[in-house]
N, C-alpha and C. Protein backbone atom coordinates (compact mmCIF):
# COMPACT_ATOMS: atom_id res chain seq x y z
N MET A 1 67.34 -17.94 -2.28
CA MET A 1 67.12 -16.99 -3.36
C MET A 1 65.62 -16.97 -3.70
N GLN A 2 65.08 -15.81 -3.82
CA GLN A 2 63.65 -15.66 -4.07
C GLN A 2 63.34 -15.79 -5.55
N ASN A 3 62.23 -16.45 -5.84
CA ASN A 3 61.80 -16.60 -7.22
C ASN A 3 61.16 -15.30 -7.68
N THR A 4 61.76 -14.65 -8.67
CA THR A 4 61.26 -13.36 -9.13
C THR A 4 60.50 -13.47 -10.45
N THR A 5 60.26 -14.72 -10.91
CA THR A 5 59.51 -14.89 -12.14
C THR A 5 58.06 -14.47 -11.90
N PRO A 6 57.55 -13.53 -12.68
CA PRO A 6 56.17 -13.10 -12.44
C PRO A 6 55.19 -14.22 -12.80
N HIS A 7 54.19 -14.40 -11.96
CA HIS A 7 53.17 -15.39 -12.26
C HIS A 7 52.19 -14.77 -13.26
N PRO A 8 51.80 -15.54 -14.27
CA PRO A 8 50.82 -14.98 -15.20
C PRO A 8 49.52 -14.69 -14.47
N LYS A 9 48.87 -13.62 -14.87
CA LYS A 9 47.61 -13.23 -14.22
C LYS A 9 46.58 -14.34 -14.43
N GLN A 10 45.93 -14.70 -13.34
CA GLN A 10 44.89 -15.72 -13.41
C GLN A 10 43.57 -15.06 -13.81
N VAL A 11 42.84 -15.72 -14.69
CA VAL A 11 41.53 -15.23 -15.12
C VAL A 11 40.51 -16.34 -14.96
N ARG A 12 39.24 -15.94 -14.97
CA ARG A 12 38.13 -16.90 -14.88
C ARG A 12 37.15 -16.57 -15.99
N ALA A 13 36.88 -17.55 -16.83
CA ALA A 13 35.90 -17.39 -17.90
C ALA A 13 34.70 -18.28 -17.61
N HIS A 14 33.51 -17.67 -17.61
CA HIS A 14 32.25 -18.40 -17.43
C HIS A 14 31.65 -18.48 -18.83
N VAL A 15 31.51 -19.72 -19.33
CA VAL A 15 31.22 -19.93 -20.75
C VAL A 15 29.91 -20.71 -20.91
N PHE A 16 29.10 -20.27 -21.88
CA PHE A 16 27.86 -20.96 -22.23
C PHE A 16 27.93 -21.35 -23.70
N ILE A 17 27.81 -22.64 -23.99
CA ILE A 17 27.96 -23.15 -25.35
C ILE A 17 26.61 -23.67 -25.81
N SER A 18 26.16 -23.22 -26.99
CA SER A 18 24.88 -23.68 -27.52
C SER A 18 25.09 -24.36 -28.87
N GLY A 19 24.09 -25.15 -29.25
CA GLY A 19 24.15 -25.94 -30.47
C GLY A 19 23.86 -27.39 -30.12
N ARG A 20 24.38 -28.32 -30.92
CA ARG A 20 24.24 -29.73 -30.56
C ARG A 20 25.45 -30.09 -29.69
N VAL A 21 25.29 -29.85 -28.39
CA VAL A 21 26.42 -30.02 -27.47
C VAL A 21 26.10 -30.96 -26.31
N GLN A 22 24.88 -31.52 -26.29
CA GLN A 22 24.55 -32.51 -25.27
C GLN A 22 24.37 -33.86 -25.96
N GLY A 23 24.83 -34.92 -25.29
CA GLY A 23 24.73 -36.25 -25.85
C GLY A 23 25.79 -36.56 -26.89
N VAL A 24 26.83 -35.74 -26.95
CA VAL A 24 27.89 -35.93 -27.95
C VAL A 24 29.27 -36.02 -27.29
N GLY A 25 29.31 -36.16 -25.96
CA GLY A 25 30.58 -36.25 -25.25
C GLY A 25 31.24 -34.92 -25.00
N TYR A 26 30.48 -33.83 -25.12
CA TYR A 26 31.07 -32.49 -24.97
C TYR A 26 31.67 -32.29 -23.57
N ARG A 27 30.91 -32.65 -22.53
CA ARG A 27 31.40 -32.41 -21.16
C ARG A 27 32.69 -33.17 -20.89
N TYR A 28 32.73 -34.45 -21.28
CA TYR A 28 33.91 -35.25 -20.96
C TYR A 28 35.11 -34.85 -21.81
N SER A 29 34.87 -34.42 -23.04
CA SER A 29 35.96 -33.88 -23.86
C SER A 29 36.48 -32.58 -23.27
N THR A 30 35.56 -31.79 -22.70
CA THR A 30 35.97 -30.54 -22.04
C THR A 30 36.86 -30.83 -20.85
N VAL A 31 36.48 -31.82 -20.03
CA VAL A 31 37.30 -32.21 -18.88
C VAL A 31 38.69 -32.64 -19.35
N ASP A 32 38.75 -33.48 -20.36
CA ASP A 32 40.05 -33.97 -20.87
C ASP A 32 40.91 -32.82 -21.37
N THR A 33 40.32 -31.95 -22.18
CA THR A 33 41.08 -30.85 -22.78
C THR A 33 41.55 -29.86 -21.71
N ALA A 34 40.64 -29.47 -20.81
CA ALA A 34 40.99 -28.51 -19.76
C ALA A 34 42.07 -29.08 -18.84
N SER A 35 41.95 -30.36 -18.52
CA SER A 35 42.94 -31.00 -17.64
C SER A 35 44.30 -31.05 -18.31
N GLN A 36 44.32 -31.37 -19.59
CA GLN A 36 45.59 -31.40 -20.33
C GLN A 36 46.25 -30.03 -20.36
N LEU A 37 45.42 -28.98 -20.41
CA LEU A 37 45.95 -27.61 -20.45
C LEU A 37 46.31 -27.08 -19.06
N GLY A 38 45.95 -27.84 -18.00
CA GLY A 38 46.27 -27.41 -16.64
C GLY A 38 45.28 -26.41 -16.07
N LEU A 39 44.08 -26.34 -16.64
CA LEU A 39 43.07 -25.42 -16.13
C LEU A 39 42.29 -26.05 -14.99
N THR A 40 41.67 -25.21 -14.17
CA THR A 40 40.75 -25.69 -13.14
C THR A 40 39.36 -25.18 -13.49
N GLY A 41 38.33 -25.82 -12.91
CA GLY A 41 36.98 -25.39 -13.16
C GLY A 41 36.02 -26.54 -13.20
N TRP A 42 34.93 -26.35 -13.96
CA TRP A 42 33.89 -27.36 -14.05
C TRP A 42 33.07 -27.17 -15.31
N VAL A 43 32.27 -28.20 -15.63
CA VAL A 43 31.39 -28.17 -16.80
C VAL A 43 30.12 -28.93 -16.46
N ARG A 44 28.98 -28.49 -17.03
CA ARG A 44 27.72 -29.19 -16.79
C ARG A 44 26.73 -28.90 -17.93
N ASN A 45 25.76 -29.80 -18.08
CA ASN A 45 24.65 -29.59 -19.00
C ASN A 45 23.61 -28.70 -18.33
N LEU A 46 22.95 -27.87 -19.12
CA LEU A 46 21.85 -27.05 -18.64
C LEU A 46 20.53 -27.58 -19.20
N PRO A 47 19.42 -27.31 -18.51
CA PRO A 47 18.13 -27.80 -18.99
C PRO A 47 17.72 -27.26 -20.36
N ASP A 48 18.28 -26.13 -20.79
CA ASP A 48 17.93 -25.55 -22.10
C ASP A 48 18.81 -26.08 -23.23
N ASN A 49 19.49 -27.20 -22.98
CA ASN A 49 20.34 -27.90 -23.96
C ASN A 49 21.67 -27.22 -24.23
N ARG A 50 22.02 -26.21 -23.45
CA ARG A 50 23.36 -25.63 -23.56
C ARG A 50 24.29 -26.36 -22.60
N VAL A 51 25.58 -26.11 -22.76
CA VAL A 51 26.60 -26.57 -21.81
C VAL A 51 27.18 -25.33 -21.16
N GLU A 52 27.37 -25.38 -19.85
CA GLU A 52 27.95 -24.28 -19.08
C GLU A 52 29.29 -24.75 -18.53
N ALA A 53 30.29 -23.89 -18.58
CA ALA A 53 31.61 -24.25 -18.06
C ALA A 53 32.28 -23.04 -17.43
N VAL A 54 33.17 -23.32 -16.50
CA VAL A 54 34.02 -22.29 -15.89
C VAL A 54 35.45 -22.76 -16.03
N PHE A 55 36.31 -21.88 -16.54
CA PHE A 55 37.73 -22.17 -16.69
C PHE A 55 38.54 -21.14 -15.92
N GLU A 56 39.47 -21.61 -15.10
CA GLU A 56 40.39 -20.71 -14.41
C GLU A 56 41.82 -21.11 -14.74
N GLY A 57 42.63 -20.09 -15.00
CA GLY A 57 44.04 -20.32 -15.31
C GLY A 57 44.63 -19.06 -15.89
N SER A 58 45.79 -19.19 -16.53
CA SER A 58 46.40 -18.01 -17.13
C SER A 58 45.56 -17.58 -18.33
N GLN A 59 45.59 -16.30 -18.62
CA GLN A 59 44.75 -15.76 -19.69
C GLN A 59 45.00 -16.46 -21.02
N THR A 60 46.26 -16.72 -21.35
CA THR A 60 46.59 -17.36 -22.62
C THR A 60 45.96 -18.74 -22.74
N VAL A 61 46.04 -19.52 -21.66
CA VAL A 61 45.51 -20.88 -21.70
C VAL A 61 43.99 -20.88 -21.67
N VAL A 62 43.39 -19.99 -20.89
CA VAL A 62 41.92 -19.89 -20.87
C VAL A 62 41.41 -19.51 -22.26
N GLU A 63 42.08 -18.58 -22.94
CA GLU A 63 41.67 -18.20 -24.30
C GLU A 63 41.81 -19.37 -25.27
N GLN A 64 42.85 -20.18 -25.08
CA GLN A 64 43.04 -21.38 -25.90
C GLN A 64 41.87 -22.35 -25.70
N MET A 65 41.43 -22.51 -24.45
CA MET A 65 40.31 -23.39 -24.14
C MET A 65 39.02 -22.86 -24.74
N ILE A 66 38.83 -21.55 -24.68
CA ILE A 66 37.62 -20.95 -25.27
C ILE A 66 37.60 -21.20 -26.77
N ARG A 67 38.74 -21.09 -27.44
CA ARG A 67 38.80 -21.38 -28.88
C ARG A 67 38.39 -22.83 -29.14
N TRP A 68 38.83 -23.74 -28.26
CA TRP A 68 38.44 -25.15 -28.40
C TRP A 68 36.92 -25.30 -28.28
N CYS A 69 36.28 -24.52 -27.41
CA CYS A 69 34.84 -24.62 -27.19
C CYS A 69 34.04 -24.37 -28.46
N TYR A 70 34.57 -23.56 -29.37
CA TYR A 70 33.87 -23.28 -30.62
C TYR A 70 33.80 -24.51 -31.52
N GLN A 71 34.66 -25.48 -31.28
CA GLN A 71 34.68 -26.70 -32.07
C GLN A 71 34.15 -27.87 -31.26
N GLY A 72 34.70 -28.08 -30.07
CA GLY A 72 34.28 -29.20 -29.23
C GLY A 72 34.69 -30.53 -29.81
N PRO A 73 34.10 -31.62 -29.31
CA PRO A 73 34.43 -32.95 -29.82
C PRO A 73 33.85 -33.15 -31.23
N PRO A 74 34.28 -34.19 -31.95
CA PRO A 74 33.87 -34.37 -33.35
C PRO A 74 32.36 -34.38 -33.60
N ALA A 75 31.55 -34.96 -32.70
CA ALA A 75 30.11 -35.07 -32.94
C ALA A 75 29.34 -33.78 -32.62
N ALA A 76 29.99 -32.81 -32.00
CA ALA A 76 29.31 -31.57 -31.61
C ALA A 76 29.12 -30.65 -32.82
N MET A 77 28.04 -29.85 -32.76
CA MET A 77 27.81 -28.80 -33.74
C MET A 77 27.54 -27.52 -32.95
N VAL A 78 28.59 -26.74 -32.71
CA VAL A 78 28.49 -25.55 -31.87
C VAL A 78 27.93 -24.39 -32.69
N LYS A 79 26.89 -23.75 -32.13
CA LYS A 79 26.30 -22.58 -32.78
C LYS A 79 26.85 -21.29 -32.21
N ASP A 80 27.02 -21.25 -30.88
CA ASP A 80 27.44 -20.00 -30.25
C ASP A 80 28.18 -20.28 -28.95
N VAL A 81 29.11 -19.41 -28.62
CA VAL A 81 29.84 -19.47 -27.35
C VAL A 81 29.78 -18.08 -26.74
N LEU A 82 29.16 -18.00 -25.56
CA LEU A 82 29.06 -16.73 -24.82
C LEU A 82 30.05 -16.79 -23.67
N VAL A 83 30.91 -15.78 -23.56
CA VAL A 83 31.95 -15.76 -22.52
C VAL A 83 31.76 -14.54 -21.63
N GLU A 84 31.76 -14.78 -20.32
CA GLU A 84 31.72 -13.70 -19.33
C GLU A 84 32.95 -13.88 -18.44
N TYR A 85 33.73 -12.82 -18.29
CA TYR A 85 34.89 -12.90 -17.41
C TYR A 85 34.50 -12.48 -16.00
N GLU A 86 34.99 -13.22 -15.01
CA GLU A 86 34.68 -12.99 -13.60
C GLU A 86 35.97 -13.04 -12.79
N GLU A 87 35.86 -12.73 -11.51
CA GLU A 87 37.02 -12.83 -10.62
C GLU A 87 37.31 -14.30 -10.33
N PRO A 88 38.56 -14.75 -10.47
CA PRO A 88 38.89 -16.15 -10.17
C PRO A 88 38.60 -16.49 -8.70
N GLU A 89 38.16 -17.72 -8.48
CA GLU A 89 37.86 -18.19 -7.13
C GLU A 89 38.95 -19.12 -6.58
N GLY A 90 39.94 -19.45 -7.39
CA GLY A 90 40.98 -20.36 -6.94
C GLY A 90 40.52 -21.81 -6.87
N LEU A 91 39.75 -22.23 -7.89
CA LEU A 91 39.24 -23.59 -7.93
C LEU A 91 40.39 -24.59 -8.04
N ARG A 92 40.12 -25.82 -7.61
CA ARG A 92 41.10 -26.91 -7.71
C ARG A 92 40.50 -28.02 -8.55
N GLY A 93 41.29 -28.55 -9.47
CA GLY A 93 40.83 -29.65 -10.29
C GLY A 93 39.81 -29.21 -11.33
N PHE A 94 39.37 -30.17 -12.12
CA PHE A 94 38.36 -29.90 -13.14
C PHE A 94 37.37 -31.05 -13.11
N GLU A 95 36.06 -30.71 -13.02
CA GLU A 95 35.06 -31.75 -12.81
C GLU A 95 33.80 -31.52 -13.63
N VAL A 96 33.03 -32.59 -13.79
CA VAL A 96 31.69 -32.50 -14.35
C VAL A 96 30.74 -32.28 -13.18
N ARG A 97 29.89 -31.29 -13.29
CA ARG A 97 28.89 -31.02 -12.25
C ARG A 97 27.51 -31.35 -12.78
N ARG A 98 26.60 -31.57 -11.84
CA ARG A 98 25.20 -31.79 -12.20
C ARG A 98 24.45 -30.48 -12.01
N PHE A 99 23.48 -30.26 -12.88
CA PHE A 99 22.64 -29.07 -12.73
C PHE A 99 21.67 -29.32 -11.58
N GLU A 100 21.55 -28.34 -10.70
CA GLU A 100 20.66 -28.50 -9.53
C GLU A 100 19.51 -27.54 -9.60
């Protein structure tokens, strides 16, 4: 018997978070939260003191993660979250990346 349950549309959000978001555990909290939600992607610090992240998953869950980005971990003070939607790449897992 074929599974006829429709798969939720996968989306990719490329997110830039500014404020006091480096040195406060933001990246590792992002990994924990995204992994708990079942998202794939990555997160990294940028030289201009922002954090950059990519989230792939169902639209509902990606939007939930973006809402979390506005708060972040307890020590963070988020000023702004910029979101750009892109075509999903089918990433696997969620990791911290280094800026190159």
